[in-house]
């Protein structure tokens, strides 16, 4: 019985240490603020790369000025829980956000670059996990959710 209590205590202590570590790990903009137009998607399934006019993972063109799209994207991102901007700004048309999971505070980094096109603007986005091999679809779900929120925000 003492061994079982000891093992539970060790597991609990490791869990608390892990939760503390992931909350305190710094977000280095020099490393994570990457251009999604030139980024290379890792082979692991823990990242999503969206580029204008590239197959299933393409972003639509919006009938708004580029800066308006960048502001709308920032509003969508910052409305999400546990999310903050770590680099860039809407004026630059290029921003990077970190969103941390609720329980463990695992950081995911989302770089978004607005691209001016004829008739308005579109965007490229690179959403990826910092840790692990699989993210259980979290990054893909995030980008789909942000897309819906963006369309609602830009609807007339």
C-alpha atoms as a PDB file:
ATOM      1  CA  UNK A   1       0.000   0.000   0.000  1.00  0.00           C
ATOM      2  CA  UNK A   2       2.860   2.390   0.790  1.00  0.00           C
ATOM      3  CA  UNK A   3       4.370   1.770  -2.644  1.00  0.00           C
ATOM      4  CA  UNK A   4       1.076   2.630  -4.326  1.00  0.00           C
ATOM      5  CA  UNK A   5       0.786   5.878  -2.355  1.00  0.00           C
ATOM      6  CA  UNK A   6       4.402   6.680  -3.188  1.00  0.00           C
ATOM      7  CA  UNK A   7       3.802   6.051  -6.929  1.00  0.00           C
ATOM      8  CA  UNK A   8       0.695   8.242  -6.900  1.00  0.00           C
ATOM      9  CA  UNK A   9       2.653  11.013  -5.166  1.00  0.00           C
ATOM     10  CA  UNK A  10       5.483  10.759  -7.709  1.00  0.00           C
ATOM     11  CA  UNK A  11       3.057  10.880 -10.634  1.00  0.00           C
ATOM     12  CA  UNK A  12       1.228  13.867  -9.110  1.00  0.00           C
ATOM     13  CA  UNK A  13       4.520  15.696  -8.506  1.00  0.00           C
ATOM     14  CA  UNK A  14       5.643  15.022 -12.088  1.00  0.00           C
ATOM     15  CA  UNK A  15       2.303  16.309 -13.367  1.00  0.00           C
ATOM     16  CA  UNK A  16       2.586  19.508 -11.352  1.00  0.00           C
ATOM     17  CA  UNK A  17       6.181  20.019 -12.476  1.00  0.00           C
ATOM     18  CA  UNK A  18       5.164  19.526 -16.099  1.00  0.00           C
ATOM     19  CA  UNK A  19       2.237  21.928 -15.799  1.00  0.00           C
ATOM     20  CA  UNK A  20       4.526  24.535 -14.240  1.00  0.00           C
ATOM     21  CA  UNK A  21       7.234  24.040 -16.873  1.00  0.00           C
ATOM     22  CA  UNK A  22       4.925  24.469 -19.874  1.00  0.00           C
ATOM     23  CA  UNK A  23       3.397  27.607 -18.360  1.00  0.00           C
ATOM     24  CA  UNK A  24       6.815  29.172 -17.824  1.00  0.00           C
ATOM     25  CA  UNK A  25       8.583  28.250 -21.086  1.00  0.00           C
ATOM     26  CA  UNK A  26       9.379  31.502 -22.956  1.00  0.00           C
ATOM     27  CA  UNK A  27       7.896  32.304 -26.356  1.00  0.00           C
ATOM     28  CA  UNK A  28      10.812  33.354 -28.559  1.00  0.00           C
ATOM     29  CA  UNK A  29       9.523  35.570 -31.411  1.00  0.00           C
ATOM     30  CA  UNK A  30      12.800  35.110 -33.308  1.00  0.00           C
ATOM     31  CA  UNK A  31      12.061  31.395 -33.499  1.00  0.00           C
ATOM     32  CA  UNK A  32       8.267  31.299 -33.830  1.00  0.00           C
ATOM     33  CA  UNK A  33       7.418  34.393 -35.929  1.00  0.00           C
ATOM     34  CA  UNK A  34       7.799  32.699 -39.300  1.00  0.00           C
ATOM     35  CA  UNK A  35       6.458  33.644 -42.701  1.00  0.00           C
ATOM     36  CA  UNK A  36       3.706  31.139 -43.536  1.00  0.00           C
ATOM     37  CA  UNK A  37       4.261  31.790 -47.237  1.00  0.00           C
ATOM     38  CA  UNK A  38       7.734  30.245 -47.034  1.00  0.00           C
ATOM     39  CA  UNK A  39       7.425  27.972 -43.980  1.00  0.00           C
ATOM     40  CA  UNK A  40       8.020  24.265 -44.396  1.00  0.00           C
ATOM     41  CA  UNK A  41       5.377  22.036 -42.833  1.00  0.00           C
ATOM     42  CA  UNK A  42       6.904  19.312 -40.660  1.00  0.00           C
ATOM     43  CA  UNK A  43       6.228  15.666 -41.436  1.00  0.00           C
ATOM     44  CA  UNK A  44       4.540  15.250 -38.068  1.00  0.00           C
ATOM     45  CA  UNK A  45       0.753  15.629 -37.954  1.00  0.00           C
ATOM     46  CA  UNK A  46       0.900  18.438 -35.384  1.00  0.00           C
ATOM     47  CA  UNK A  47       0.850  21.375 -37.825  1.00  0.00           C
ATOM     48  CA  UNK A  48      -1.439  22.964 -40.400  1.00  0.00           C
ATOM     49  CA  UNK A  49      -0.214  25.139 -43.250  1.00  0.00           C
ATOM     50  CA  UNK A  50      -2.743  27.237 -45.175  1.00  0.00           C
ATOM     51  CA  UNK A  51      -1.728  29.191 -48.243  1.00  0.00           C
ATOM     52  CA  UNK A  52      -3.721  31.128 -50.806  1.00  0.00           C
ATOM     53  CA  UNK A  53      -5.040  28.983 -53.649  1.00  0.00           C
ATOM     54  CA  UNK A  54      -3.330  25.748 -52.649  1.00  0.00           C
ATOM     55  CA  UNK A  55      -5.690  22.806 -52.638  1.00  0.00           C
ATOM     56  CA  UNK A  56      -7.942  21.939 -49.720  1.00  0.00           C
ATOM     57  CA  UNK A  57      -6.043  24.069 -47.223  1.00  0.00           C
ATOM     58  CA  UNK A  58      -6.510  27.365 -49.011  1.00  0.00           C
ATOM     59  CA  UNK A  59      -7.896  30.604 -47.663  1.00  0.00           C
ATOM     60  CA  UNK A  60     -10.645  32.430 -49.545  1.00  0.00           C
ATOM     61  CA  UNK A  61     -10.335  35.941 -50.923  1.00  0.00           C
ATOM     62  CA  UNK A  62     -12.192  38.574 -48.918  1.00  0.00           C
ATOM     63  CA  UNK A  63     -13.593  41.771 -50.380  1.00  0.00           C
ATOM     64  CA  UNK A  64     -11.866  43.947 -47.773  1.00  0.00           C
ATOM     65  CA  UNK A  65      -8.632  45.942 -47.661  1.00  0.00           C
ATOM     66  CA  UNK A  66      -5.618  43.945 -46.395  1.00  0.00           C
ATOM     67  CA  UNK A  67      -5.344  45.927 -43.144  1.00  0.00           C
ATOM     68  CA  UNK A  68      -9.031  45.291 -42.376  1.00  0.00           C
ATOM     69  CA  UNK A  69      -8.471  41.556 -42.848  1.00  0.00           C
ATOM     70  CA  UNK A  70      -5.386  41.667 -40.598  1.00  0.00           C
ATOM     71  CA  UNK A  71      -7.367  43.479 -37.889  1.00  0.00           C
ATOM     72  CA  UNK A  72     -10.215  40.968 -38.176  1.00  0.00           C
ATOM     73  CA  UNK A  73      -7.798  38.028 -37.931  1.00  0.00           C
ATOM     74  CA  UNK A  74      -6.173  39.550 -34.838  1.00  0.00           C
ATOM     75  CA  UNK A  75      -9.602  40.049 -33.259  1.00  0.00           C
ATOM     76  CA  UNK A  76     -10.532  36.425 -33.936  1.00  0.00           C
ATOM     77  CA  UNK A  77      -7.234  35.161 -32.518  1.00  0.00           C
ATOM     78  CA  UNK A  78      -7.290  37.320 -29.402  1.00  0.00           C
ATOM     79  CA  UNK A  79     -10.917  36.397 -28.659  1.00  0.00           C
ATOM     80  CA  UNK A  80      -9.765  32.819 -28.077  1.00  0.00           C
ATOM     81  CA  UNK A  81      -8.880  31.753 -24.522  1.00  0.00           C
ATOM     82  CA  UNK A  82      -5.221  31.622 -23.477  1.00  0.00           C
ATOM     83  CA  UNK A  83      -4.065  33.455 -26.616  1.00  0.00           C
ATOM     84  CA  UNK A  84      -1.706  36.395 -26.989  1.00  0.00           C
ATOM     85  CA  UNK A  85       0.247  38.040 -29.785  1.00  0.00           C
ATOM     86  CA  UNK A  86       4.006  37.529 -29.504  1.00  0.00           C
ATOM     87  CA  UNK A  87       5.153  39.293 -32.688  1.00  0.00           C
ATOM     88  CA  UNK A  88       3.958  41.474 -35.526  1.00  0.00           C
ATOM     89  CA  UNK A  89       0.916  43.689 -35.812  1.00  0.00           C
ATOM     90  CA  UNK A  90      -2.072  44.240 -38.103  1.00  0.00           C
ATOM     91  CA  UNK A  91      -0.277  47.205 -39.705  1.00  0.00           C
ATOM     92  CA  UNK A  92       2.545  44.888 -40.756  1.00  0.00           C
ATOM     93  CA  UNK A  93      -0.001  42.390 -42.177  1.00  0.00           C
ATOM     94  CA  UNK A  94       1.958  39.668 -40.380  1.00  0.00           C
ATOM     95  CA  UNK A  95       1.364  38.440 -36.825  1.00  0.00           C
ATOM     96  CA  UNK A  96       2.227  35.489 -34.651  1.00  0.00           C
ATOM     97  CA  UNK A  97       0.146  34.319 -31.717  1.00  0.00           C
ATOM     98  CA  UNK A  98       0.655  31.720 -29.017  1.00  0.00           C
ATOM     99  CA  UNK A  99      -2.314  29.769 -27.724  1.00  0.00           C
ATOM    100  CA  UNK A 100      -1.868  27.533 -24.710  1.00  0.00           C
ATOM    101  CA  UNK A 101      -3.998  24.518 -23.873  1.00  0.00           C
ATOM    102  CA  UNK A 102      -6.237  24.923 -20.849  1.00  0.00           C
ATOM    103  CA  UNK A 103      -4.969  22.106 -18.652  1.00  0.00           C
ATOM    104  CA  UNK A 104      -1.252  21.716 -19.370  1.00  0.00           C
ATOM    105  CA  UNK A 105      -0.581  25.063 -21.102  1.00  0.00           C
ATOM    106  CA  UNK A 106       1.116  23.394 -24.062  1.00  0.00           C
ATOM    107  CA  UNK A 107       2.005  26.232 -26.466  1.00  0.00           C
ATOM    108  CA  UNK A 108       0.907  26.240 -30.100  1.00  0.00           C
ATOM    109  CA  UNK A 109       2.157  28.990 -32.405  1.00  0.00           C
ATOM    110  CA  UNK A 110       0.043  30.516 -35.150  1.00  0.00           C
ATOM    111  CA  UNK A 111       1.669  32.794 -37.726  1.00  0.00           C
ATOM    112  CA  UNK A 112      -0.694  34.633 -40.059  1.00  0.00           C
ATOM    113  CA  UNK A 113       0.259  36.812 -42.995  1.00  0.00           C
ATOM    114  CA  UNK A 114      -2.307  38.799 -44.979  1.00  0.00           C
ATOM    115  CA  UNK A 115      -1.738  38.849 -48.720  1.00  0.00           C
ATOM    116  CA  UNK A 116      -3.163  41.656 -50.885  1.00  0.00           C
ATOM    117  CA  UNK A 117      -4.792  40.275 -54.046  1.00  0.00           C
ATOM    118  CA  UNK A 118      -6.952  41.666 -56.786  1.00  0.00           C
ATOM    119  CA  UNK A 119     -10.381  42.317 -55.323  1.00  0.00           C
ATOM    120  CA  UNK A 120      -9.309  42.338 -51.681  1.00  0.00           C
ATOM    121  CA  UNK A 121      -7.100  40.194 -49.503  1.00  0.00           C
ATOM    122  CA  UNK A 122      -6.458  36.638 -48.404  1.00  0.00           C
ATOM    123  CA  UNK A 123      -4.079  35.095 -45.910  1.00  0.00           C
ATOM    124  CA  UNK A 124      -1.536  32.388 -45.244  1.00  0.00           C
ATOM    125  CA  UNK A 125      -1.370  30.697 -41.839  1.00  0.00           C
ATOM    126  CA  UNK A 126       0.949  28.245 -40.136  1.00  0.00           C
ATOM    127  CA  UNK A 127      -0.416  26.710 -36.919  1.00  0.00           C
ATOM    128  CA  UNK A 128       1.851  24.259 -35.157  1.00  0.00           C
ATOM    129  CA  UNK A 129       2.536  22.595 -31.838  1.00  0.00           C
ATOM    130  CA  UNK A 130       5.793  23.256 -30.059  1.00  0.00           C
ATOM    131  CA  UNK A 131       5.871  19.878 -28.332  1.00  0.00           C
ATOM    132  CA  UNK A 132       4.949  16.360 -29.327  1.00  0.00           C
ATOM    133  CA  UNK A 133       4.391  14.490 -32.523  1.00  0.00           C
ATOM    134  CA  UNK A 134       0.607  14.478 -32.692  1.00  0.00           C
ATOM    135  CA  UNK A 135      -1.697  17.224 -31.521  1.00  0.00           C
ATOM    136  CA  UNK A 136      -4.862  15.102 -31.881  1.00  0.00           C
ATOM    137  CA  UNK A 137      -6.133  17.506 -34.539  1.00  0.00           C
ATOM    138  CA  UNK A 138      -6.010  20.608 -32.344  1.00  0.00           C
ATOM    139  CA  UNK A 139      -4.275  22.849 -34.903  1.00  0.00           C
ATOM    140  CA  UNK A 140      -6.592  21.836 -37.752  1.00  0.00           C
ATOM    141  CA  UNK A 141      -9.644  22.358 -35.543  1.00  0.00           C
ATOM    142  CA  UNK A 142      -8.335  25.768 -34.460  1.00  0.00           C
ATOM    143  CA  UNK A 143      -7.845  26.963 -38.012  1.00  0.00           C
ATOM    144  CA  UNK A 144     -11.318  25.738 -39.012  1.00  0.00           C
ATOM    145  CA  UNK A 145     -12.830  27.499 -35.980  1.00  0.00           C
ATOM    146  CA  UNK A 146     -10.947  30.721 -36.722  1.00  0.00           C
ATOM    147  CA  UNK A 147     -12.109  30.572 -40.347  1.00  0.00           C
ATOM    148  CA  UNK A 148     -15.755  30.383 -39.262  1.00  0.00           C
ATOM    149  CA  UNK A 149     -15.280  33.216 -36.760  1.00  0.00           C
ATOM    150  CA  UNK A 150     -13.513  35.325 -39.410  1.00  0.00           C
ATOM    151  CA  UNK A 151     -16.335  34.846 -41.896  1.00  0.00           C
ATOM    152  CA  UNK A 152     -18.886  35.828 -39.247  1.00  0.00           C
ATOM    153  CA  UNK A 153     -16.852  38.899 -38.319  1.00  0.00           C
ATOM    154  CA  UNK A 154     -16.552  40.019 -41.948  1.00  0.00           C
ATOM    155  CA  UNK A 155     -20.164  39.249 -42.914  1.00  0.00           C
ATOM    156  CA  UNK A 156     -22.115  42.334 -43.992  1.00  0.00           C
END
